[in-house]
Amino acid sequence: MSDTEHVELCDLSVEQYTEILDLWERAGLPVRPEGRDAPGAFSHQMATGQQRVIGLRAAGRLIAVAVLTHDGRKGWINRLAVDPACRRRGLATRLVAEAERCFTEVWGLEIWAALIEGENSGSQALFDTLGYRHHDVVYVSKRTRPEA
């Protein structure tokens, strides 16, 4: 991708499921195709109306993606990924800006958040640059099965 190539923002749906998973894998995100990322789970999450998946395309190819969700009071930026060949060009920043616009203008939310793995220094630096504040939070989860 050249720096001058046209990049288009798009909404993604269950029809692009395979393309989204492929990008997550290229970007190094863990993918659980038998759990939370299973086709049925993804379809169900999209049907709730509390999730929007946005992406960026260059020459028809999906090069960045983010899953936006909300719990009625807080917006969450999830599964943000940029194709390794297209990084450091402002694509993640563009997706975060669209997420913030959606949270405010579409869902009427005033708080936005993201959970970032401790070793993911790139994402931490991105959100630091964009004015997100770190909080000392202990994340706990319980799963009905390991691949969930």
N, C-alpha and C. Protein backbone atom coordinates (compact mmCIF):
# COMPACT_ATOMS: atom_id res chain seq x y z
N MET A 1 0.85 -1.18 0.00
CA MET A 1 0.00 0.00 0.00
C MET A 1 0.89 1.23 0.00
N SER A 2 0.68 2.11 -0.93
CA SER A 2 1.43 3.35 -0.94
C SER A 2 0.76 4.36 -0.02
N ASP A 3 1.53 5.34 0.43
CA ASP A 3 0.98 6.36 1.32
C ASP A 3 -0.11 7.18 0.66
N THR A 4 -0.13 7.22 -0.67
CA THR A 4 -1.11 8.03 -1.38
C THR A 4 -2.32 7.23 -1.82
N GLU A 5 -2.31 5.93 -1.62
CA GLU A 5 -3.42 5.10 -2.06
C GLU A 5 -4.69 5.43 -1.27
N HIS A 6 -5.80 5.42 -1.96
CA HIS A 6 -7.10 5.73 -1.34
C HIS A 6 -7.49 4.62 -0.36
N VAL A 7 -7.85 5.03 0.84
CA VAL A 7 -8.30 4.10 1.87
C VAL A 7 -9.73 4.46 2.21
N GLU A 8 -10.61 3.47 2.16
CA GLU A 8 -12.03 3.69 2.35
C GLU A 8 -12.51 3.07 3.66
N LEU A 9 -13.25 3.86 4.45
CA LEU A 9 -13.89 3.37 5.66
C LEU A 9 -15.14 2.60 5.27
N CYS A 10 -15.36 1.45 5.91
CA CYS A 10 -16.54 0.64 5.59
C CYS A 10 -17.08 -0.04 6.84
N ASP A 11 -18.36 -0.34 6.78
CA ASP A 11 -18.98 -1.18 7.79
C ASP A 11 -18.86 -2.61 7.31
N LEU A 12 -18.57 -3.51 8.24
CA LEU A 12 -18.42 -4.92 7.91
C LEU A 12 -19.56 -5.71 8.53
N SER A 13 -19.86 -6.84 7.95
CA SER A 13 -20.97 -7.66 8.43
C SER A 13 -20.53 -9.12 8.47
N VAL A 14 -21.48 -9.99 8.77
CA VAL A 14 -21.17 -11.41 8.84
C VAL A 14 -20.69 -11.94 7.49
N GLU A 15 -21.05 -11.27 6.40
CA GLU A 15 -20.59 -11.71 5.08
C GLU A 15 -19.08 -11.60 4.94
N GLN A 16 -18.45 -10.72 5.72
CA GLN A 16 -17.00 -10.55 5.66
C GLN A 16 -16.28 -11.30 6.79
N TYR A 17 -16.95 -12.21 7.44
CA TYR A 17 -16.41 -12.94 8.59
C TYR A 17 -15.02 -13.53 8.30
N THR A 18 -14.88 -14.27 7.21
CA THR A 18 -13.60 -14.92 6.89
C THR A 18 -12.51 -13.88 6.66
N GLU A 19 -12.85 -12.81 5.99
CA GLU A 19 -11.89 -11.74 5.71
C GLU A 19 -11.42 -11.08 7.01
N ILE A 20 -12.33 -10.88 7.95
CA ILE A 20 -11.99 -10.29 9.25
C ILE A 20 -11.05 -11.22 10.02
N LEU A 21 -11.39 -12.51 10.09
CA LEU A 21 -10.53 -13.47 10.78
C LEU A 21 -9.15 -13.55 10.14
N ASP A 22 -9.09 -13.51 8.83
CA ASP A 22 -7.80 -13.53 8.14
C ASP A 22 -6.95 -12.33 8.55
N LEU A 23 -7.56 -11.16 8.63
CA LEU A 23 -6.82 -9.97 9.04
C LEU A 23 -6.35 -10.09 10.48
N TRP A 24 -7.22 -10.56 11.37
CA TRP A 24 -6.80 -10.74 12.77
C TRP A 24 -5.59 -11.66 12.85
N GLU A 25 -5.60 -12.73 12.09
CA GLU A 25 -4.47 -13.66 12.10
C GLU A 25 -3.21 -13.02 11.54
N ARG A 26 -3.32 -12.28 10.43
CA ARG A 26 -2.15 -11.58 9.86
C ARG A 26 -1.57 -10.59 10.87
N ALA A 27 -2.46 -9.95 11.63
CA ALA A 27 -2.04 -8.93 12.59
C ALA A 27 -1.53 -9.53 13.90
N GLY A 28 -1.66 -10.84 14.06
CA GLY A 28 -1.15 -11.49 15.27
C GLY A 28 -2.12 -11.53 16.43
N LEU A 29 -3.39 -11.21 16.19
CA LEU A 29 -4.37 -11.31 17.27
C LEU A 29 -4.74 -12.78 17.48
N PRO A 30 -4.98 -13.18 18.72
CA PRO A 30 -5.43 -14.55 18.93
C PRO A 30 -6.84 -14.72 18.36
N VAL A 31 -7.06 -15.81 17.69
CA VAL A 31 -8.35 -16.08 17.08
C VAL A 31 -8.86 -17.39 17.66
N ARG A 32 -10.10 -17.38 18.09
CA ARG A 32 -10.73 -18.58 18.65
C ARG A 32 -11.92 -18.99 17.78
N PRO A 33 -11.65 -19.68 16.67
CA PRO A 33 -12.73 -20.03 15.74
C PRO A 33 -13.71 -21.06 16.29
N GLU A 34 -13.39 -21.67 17.41
CA GLU A 34 -14.32 -22.61 18.05
C GLU A 34 -14.99 -21.97 19.26
N GLY A 35 -14.67 -20.73 19.55
CA GLY A 35 -15.22 -20.04 20.72
C GLY A 35 -15.83 -18.71 20.33
N ARG A 36 -15.30 -17.64 20.93
CA ARG A 36 -15.90 -16.31 20.74
C ARG A 36 -15.87 -15.84 19.30
N ASP A 37 -14.98 -16.40 18.49
CA ASP A 37 -14.87 -15.99 17.09
C ASP A 37 -15.53 -16.98 16.13
N ALA A 38 -16.27 -17.93 16.64
CA ALA A 38 -16.97 -18.89 15.79
C ALA A 38 -18.00 -18.16 14.93
N PRO A 39 -18.28 -18.68 13.74
CA PRO A 39 -19.25 -17.99 12.87
C PRO A 39 -20.59 -17.71 13.56
N GLY A 40 -21.12 -18.67 14.29
CA GLY A 40 -22.39 -18.47 14.97
C GLY A 40 -22.31 -17.42 16.06
N ALA A 41 -21.21 -17.40 16.80
CA ALA A 41 -21.03 -16.41 17.86
C ALA A 41 -20.91 -15.01 17.26
N PHE A 42 -20.13 -14.90 16.18
CA PHE A 42 -19.96 -13.62 15.51
C PHE A 42 -21.30 -13.11 14.98
N SER A 43 -22.06 -13.98 14.35
CA SER A 43 -23.37 -13.62 13.82
C SER A 43 -24.31 -13.17 14.93
N HIS A 44 -24.31 -13.90 16.04
CA HIS A 44 -25.16 -13.54 17.18
C HIS A 44 -24.78 -12.17 17.74
N GLN A 45 -23.47 -11.92 17.88
CA GLN A 45 -22.99 -10.64 18.40
C GLN A 45 -23.43 -9.49 17.49
N MET A 46 -23.38 -9.70 16.19
CA MET A 46 -23.80 -8.66 15.25
C MET A 46 -25.30 -8.41 15.34
N ALA A 47 -26.07 -9.45 15.62
CA ALA A 47 -27.54 -9.31 15.65
C ALA A 47 -28.05 -8.57 16.87
N THR A 48 -27.23 -8.40 17.90
CA THR A 48 -27.70 -7.76 19.12
C THR A 48 -27.95 -6.26 18.95
N GLY A 49 -27.33 -5.64 17.95
CA GLY A 49 -27.46 -4.20 17.78
C GLY A 49 -26.52 -3.42 18.68
N GLN A 50 -25.74 -4.12 19.47
CA GLN A 50 -24.78 -3.47 20.36
C GLN A 50 -23.36 -3.63 19.85
N GLN A 51 -23.22 -4.01 18.60
CA GLN A 51 -21.90 -4.20 18.02
C GLN A 51 -21.89 -3.67 16.60
N ARG A 52 -20.82 -3.00 16.28
CA ARG A 52 -20.57 -2.52 14.91
C ARG A 52 -19.13 -2.88 14.58
N VAL A 53 -18.91 -3.43 13.41
CA VAL A 53 -17.56 -3.76 12.97
C VAL A 53 -17.22 -2.81 11.82
N ILE A 54 -16.12 -2.08 12.01
CA ILE A 54 -15.69 -1.14 10.98
C ILE A 54 -14.34 -1.57 10.44
N GLY A 55 -14.09 -1.18 9.20
CA GLY A 55 -12.83 -1.55 8.59
C GLY A 55 -12.35 -0.47 7.65
N LEU A 56 -11.14 -0.66 7.20
CA LEU A 56 -10.55 0.19 6.17
C LEU A 56 -10.09 -0.70 5.04
N ARG A 57 -10.40 -0.28 3.81
CA ARG A 57 -10.03 -1.03 2.63
C ARG A 57 -9.14 -0.17 1.73
N ALA A 58 -8.16 -0.81 1.14
CA ALA A 58 -7.32 -0.19 0.11
C ALA A 58 -7.32 -1.13 -1.08
N ALA A 59 -7.68 -0.61 -2.23
CA ALA A 59 -7.75 -1.43 -3.45
C ALA A 59 -8.61 -2.68 -3.22
N GLY A 60 -9.69 -2.52 -2.44
CA GLY A 60 -10.62 -3.62 -2.18
C GLY A 60 -10.19 -4.59 -1.10
N ARG A 61 -8.97 -4.44 -0.59
CA ARG A 61 -8.45 -5.37 0.42
C ARG A 61 -8.65 -4.80 1.83
N LEU A 62 -9.15 -5.63 2.74
CA LEU A 62 -9.32 -5.22 4.13
C LEU A 62 -7.95 -5.11 4.79
N ILE A 63 -7.61 -3.90 5.27
CA ILE A 63 -6.28 -3.67 5.84
C ILE A 63 -6.33 -3.26 7.31
N ALA A 64 -7.52 -2.95 7.83
CA ALA A 64 -7.65 -2.60 9.24
C ALA A 64 -9.08 -2.87 9.68
N VAL A 65 -9.25 -3.21 10.95
CA VAL A 65 -10.57 -3.54 11.47
C VAL A 65 -10.64 -3.21 12.95
N ALA A 66 -11.84 -2.89 13.42
CA ALA A 66 -12.10 -2.72 14.84
C ALA A 66 -13.55 -3.13 15.11
N VAL A 67 -13.75 -3.76 16.26
CA VAL A 67 -15.08 -4.15 16.69
C VAL A 67 -15.50 -3.16 17.78
N LEU A 68 -16.61 -2.49 17.56
CA LEU A 68 -17.14 -1.52 18.52
C LEU A 68 -18.33 -2.13 19.22
N THR A 69 -18.34 -2.06 20.54
CA THR A 69 -19.46 -2.58 21.32
C THR A 69 -19.82 -1.57 22.40
N HIS A 70 -20.96 -1.78 23.01
CA HIS A 70 -21.32 -0.94 24.15
C HIS A 70 -22.21 -1.73 25.09
N ASP A 71 -22.19 -1.30 26.34
CA ASP A 71 -23.03 -1.94 27.35
C ASP A 71 -24.14 -1.01 27.81
N GLY A 72 -24.40 0.03 27.04
CA GLY A 72 -25.44 0.99 27.38
C GLY A 72 -24.91 2.22 28.09
N ARG A 73 -23.71 2.12 28.64
CA ARG A 73 -23.14 3.28 29.32
C ARG A 73 -21.69 3.54 28.92
N LYS A 74 -21.01 2.54 28.36
CA LYS A 74 -19.61 2.69 27.99
C LYS A 74 -19.39 2.02 26.63
N GLY A 75 -18.64 2.72 25.78
CA GLY A 75 -18.27 2.15 24.48
C GLY A 75 -16.93 1.45 24.58
N TRP A 76 -16.80 0.35 23.89
CA TRP A 76 -15.57 -0.44 23.92
C TRP A 76 -15.00 -0.58 22.51
N ILE A 77 -13.71 -0.36 22.39
CA ILE A 77 -12.99 -0.62 21.15
C ILE A 77 -12.30 -1.96 21.33
N ASN A 78 -12.72 -2.93 20.54
CA ASN A 78 -12.23 -4.31 20.65
C ASN A 78 -11.57 -4.75 19.36
N ARG A 79 -10.62 -5.67 19.48
CA ARG A 79 -10.07 -6.39 18.34
C ARG A 79 -9.56 -5.47 17.24
N LEU A 80 -8.98 -4.34 17.64
CA LEU A 80 -8.38 -3.40 16.69
C LEU A 80 -7.14 -4.04 16.08
N ALA A 81 -7.12 -4.11 14.75
CA ALA A 81 -6.00 -4.75 14.06
C ALA A 81 -5.71 -4.02 12.76
N VAL A 82 -4.43 -3.90 12.46
CA VAL A 82 -3.97 -3.32 11.20
C VAL A 82 -3.02 -4.32 10.55
N ASP A 83 -3.20 -4.53 9.28
CA ASP A 83 -2.30 -5.42 8.53
C ASP A 83 -0.86 -4.96 8.76
N PRO A 84 0.04 -5.86 9.13
CA PRO A 84 1.43 -5.47 9.40
C PRO A 84 2.09 -4.70 8.25
N ALA A 85 1.71 -4.99 7.01
CA ALA A 85 2.29 -4.29 5.86
C ALA A 85 1.79 -2.86 5.73
N CYS A 86 0.77 -2.49 6.52
CA CYS A 86 0.14 -1.17 6.38
C CYS A 86 0.23 -0.33 7.65
N ARG A 87 1.03 -0.75 8.59
CA ARG A 87 1.11 -0.03 9.87
C ARG A 87 1.89 1.27 9.75
N ARG A 88 1.69 2.11 10.77
CA ARG A 88 2.39 3.39 10.91
C ARG A 88 1.97 4.38 9.82
N ARG A 89 0.68 4.29 9.44
CA ARG A 89 0.14 5.22 8.43
C ARG A 89 -1.13 5.90 8.92
N GLY A 90 -1.40 5.81 10.24
CA GLY A 90 -2.56 6.48 10.80
C GLY A 90 -3.87 5.72 10.68
N LEU A 91 -3.81 4.46 10.26
CA LEU A 91 -5.04 3.69 10.06
C LEU A 91 -5.75 3.39 11.38
N ALA A 92 -5.01 2.99 12.40
CA ALA A 92 -5.62 2.71 13.70
C ALA A 92 -6.22 3.99 14.28
N THR A 93 -5.52 5.09 14.12
CA THR A 93 -6.03 6.38 14.60
C THR A 93 -7.34 6.72 13.91
N ARG A 94 -7.42 6.45 12.62
CA ARG A 94 -8.65 6.72 11.87
C ARG A 94 -9.81 5.85 12.38
N LEU A 95 -9.53 4.59 12.67
CA LEU A 95 -10.58 3.71 13.21
C LEU A 95 -11.03 4.16 14.59
N VAL A 96 -10.09 4.57 15.44
CA VAL A 96 -10.46 5.04 16.78
C VAL A 96 -11.31 6.31 16.66
N ALA A 97 -10.97 7.20 15.75
CA ALA A 97 -11.76 8.42 15.56
C ALA A 97 -13.19 8.08 15.14
N GLU A 98 -13.34 7.10 14.24
CA GLU A 98 -14.68 6.68 13.83
C GLU A 98 -15.41 6.02 14.98
N ALA A 99 -14.70 5.25 15.79
CA ALA A 99 -15.32 4.63 16.97
C ALA A 99 -15.86 5.70 17.90
N GLU A 100 -15.05 6.70 18.19
CA GLU A 100 -15.47 7.78 19.09
C GLU A 100 -16.67 8.54 18.52
N ARG A 101 -16.68 8.77 17.21
CA ARG A 101 -17.83 9.43 16.58
C ARG A 101 -19.09 8.58 16.75
N CYS A 102 -18.96 7.28 16.51
CA CYS A 102 -20.10 6.38 16.66
C CYS A 102 -20.59 6.35 18.11
N PHE A 103 -19.67 6.25 19.05
CA PHE A 103 -20.06 6.21 20.46
C PHE A 103 -20.85 7.46 20.84
N THR A 104 -20.40 8.60 20.36
CA THR A 104 -21.04 9.87 20.72
C THR A 104 -22.32 10.12 19.93
N GLU A 105 -22.21 10.09 18.62
CA GLU A 105 -23.32 10.51 17.76
C GLU A 105 -24.39 9.45 17.55
N VAL A 106 -24.01 8.18 17.55
CA VAL A 106 -24.97 7.12 17.29
C VAL A 106 -25.53 6.54 18.59
N TRP A 107 -24.63 6.22 19.52
CA TRP A 107 -25.05 5.54 20.74
C TRP A 107 -25.18 6.47 21.94
N GLY A 108 -24.80 7.75 21.82
CA GLY A 108 -24.96 8.72 22.90
C GLY A 108 -24.13 8.42 24.13
N LEU A 109 -22.94 7.88 23.95
CA LEU A 109 -22.09 7.50 25.07
C LEU A 109 -21.03 8.56 25.34
N GLU A 110 -20.63 8.69 26.59
CA GLU A 110 -19.63 9.68 26.97
C GLU A 110 -18.33 9.05 27.47
N ILE A 111 -18.30 7.75 27.62
CA ILE A 111 -17.11 7.06 28.10
C ILE A 111 -16.73 6.01 27.06
N TRP A 112 -15.44 5.98 26.70
CA TRP A 112 -14.94 5.02 25.73
C TRP A 112 -13.75 4.31 26.35
N ALA A 113 -13.59 3.04 26.05
CA ALA A 113 -12.52 2.27 26.68
C ALA A 113 -12.01 1.19 25.74
N ALA A 114 -10.84 0.67 26.09
CA ALA A 114 -10.25 -0.47 25.40
C ALA A 114 -9.44 -1.26 26.42
N LEU A 115 -9.47 -2.56 26.31
CA LEU A 115 -8.61 -3.42 27.11
C LEU A 115 -7.43 -3.80 26.24
N ILE A 116 -6.23 -3.64 26.76
CA ILE A 116 -5.02 -3.91 25.99
C ILE A 116 -4.15 -4.88 26.79
N GLU A 117 -3.71 -5.94 26.14
CA GLU A 117 -2.80 -6.89 26.78
C GLU A 117 -1.54 -6.15 27.22
N GLY A 118 -1.00 -6.52 28.37
CA GLY A 118 0.15 -5.85 28.94
C GLY A 118 1.37 -5.79 28.05
N GLU A 119 1.57 -6.82 27.24
CA GLU A 119 2.75 -6.86 26.37
C GLU A 119 2.54 -6.12 25.04
N ASN A 120 1.35 -5.60 24.80
CA ASN A 120 1.05 -4.94 23.53
C ASN A 120 1.41 -3.45 23.62
N SER A 121 2.70 -3.17 23.57
CA SER A 121 3.18 -1.80 23.74
C SER A 121 2.75 -0.89 22.59
N GLY A 122 2.57 -1.44 21.39
CA GLY A 122 2.13 -0.63 20.26
C GLY A 122 0.74 -0.06 20.48
N SER A 123 -0.18 -0.91 20.93
CA SER A 123 -1.54 -0.43 21.20
C SER A 123 -1.56 0.53 22.39
N GLN A 124 -0.76 0.24 23.40
CA GLN A 124 -0.70 1.14 24.54
C GLN A 124 -0.21 2.52 24.10
N ALA A 125 0.81 2.57 23.26
CA ALA A 125 1.33 3.84 22.77
C ALA A 125 0.28 4.57 21.93
N LEU A 126 -0.45 3.85 21.09
CA LEU A 126 -1.50 4.46 20.28
C LEU A 126 -2.53 5.14 21.17
N PHE A 127 -3.07 4.41 22.13
CA PHE A 127 -4.12 4.97 22.97
C PHE A 127 -3.58 6.08 23.88
N ASP A 128 -2.34 6.00 24.31
CA ASP A 128 -1.71 7.10 25.06
C ASP A 128 -1.71 8.36 24.20
N THR A 129 -1.27 8.24 22.97
CA THR A 129 -1.20 9.37 22.04
C THR A 129 -2.58 9.99 21.81
N LEU A 130 -3.62 9.17 21.84
CA LEU A 130 -4.97 9.64 21.57
C LEU A 130 -5.69 10.14 22.81
N GLY A 131 -4.97 10.23 23.95
CA GLY A 131 -5.55 10.83 25.14
C GLY A 131 -6.27 9.87 26.07
N TYR A 132 -6.12 8.59 25.86
CA TYR A 132 -6.73 7.61 26.77
C TYR A 132 -5.85 7.49 28.01
N ARG A 133 -6.48 7.34 29.15
CA ARG A 133 -5.78 7.28 30.43
C ARG A 133 -5.70 5.85 30.93
N HIS A 134 -4.56 5.49 31.48
CA HIS A 134 -4.39 4.16 32.07
C HIS A 134 -5.06 4.12 33.44
N HIS A 135 -5.64 2.99 33.76
CA HIS A 135 -6.26 2.76 35.06
C HIS A 135 -5.70 1.46 35.63
N ASP A 136 -5.53 1.43 36.92
CA ASP A 136 -5.12 0.18 37.57
C ASP A 136 -6.37 -0.65 37.79
N VAL A 137 -6.58 -1.60 36.90
CA VAL A 137 -7.76 -2.45 36.94
C VAL A 137 -7.30 -3.89 36.89
N VAL A 138 -7.91 -4.72 37.68
CA VAL A 138 -7.64 -6.15 37.59
C VAL A 138 -8.76 -6.76 36.76
N TYR A 139 -8.38 -7.36 35.67
CA TYR A 139 -9.34 -7.99 34.77
C TYR A 139 -9.49 -9.45 35.17
N VAL A 140 -10.69 -9.86 35.41
CA VAL A 140 -10.96 -11.27 35.71
C VAL A 140 -12.00 -11.78 34.73
N SER A 141 -11.94 -13.05 34.42
CA SER A 141 -12.94 -13.64 33.55
C SER A 141 -13.16 -15.09 33.96
N LYS A 142 -14.30 -15.60 33.60
CA LYS A 142 -14.63 -17.00 33.83
C LYS A 142 -15.18 -17.53 32.53
N ARG A 143 -14.71 -18.67 32.10
CA ARG A 143 -15.11 -19.22 30.81
C ARG A 143 -15.78 -20.58 31.01
N THR A 144 -16.78 -20.83 30.22
CA THR A 144 -17.45 -22.11 30.29
C THR A 144 -16.64 -23.23 29.65
N ARG A 145 -15.68 -22.83 28.77
CA ARG A 145 -14.77 -23.77 28.14
C ARG A 145 -13.52 -23.01 27.71
N PRO A 146 -12.38 -23.66 27.62
CA PRO A 146 -11.12 -22.97 27.34
C PRO A 146 -11.10 -22.17 26.04
N GLU A 147 -11.77 -22.66 25.01
CA GLU A 147 -11.73 -21.97 23.72
C GLU A 147 -12.76 -20.87 23.58
N ALA A 148 -13.57 -20.66 24.59
CA ALA A 148 -14.62 -19.63 24.53
C ALA A 148 -14.03 -18.24 24.45
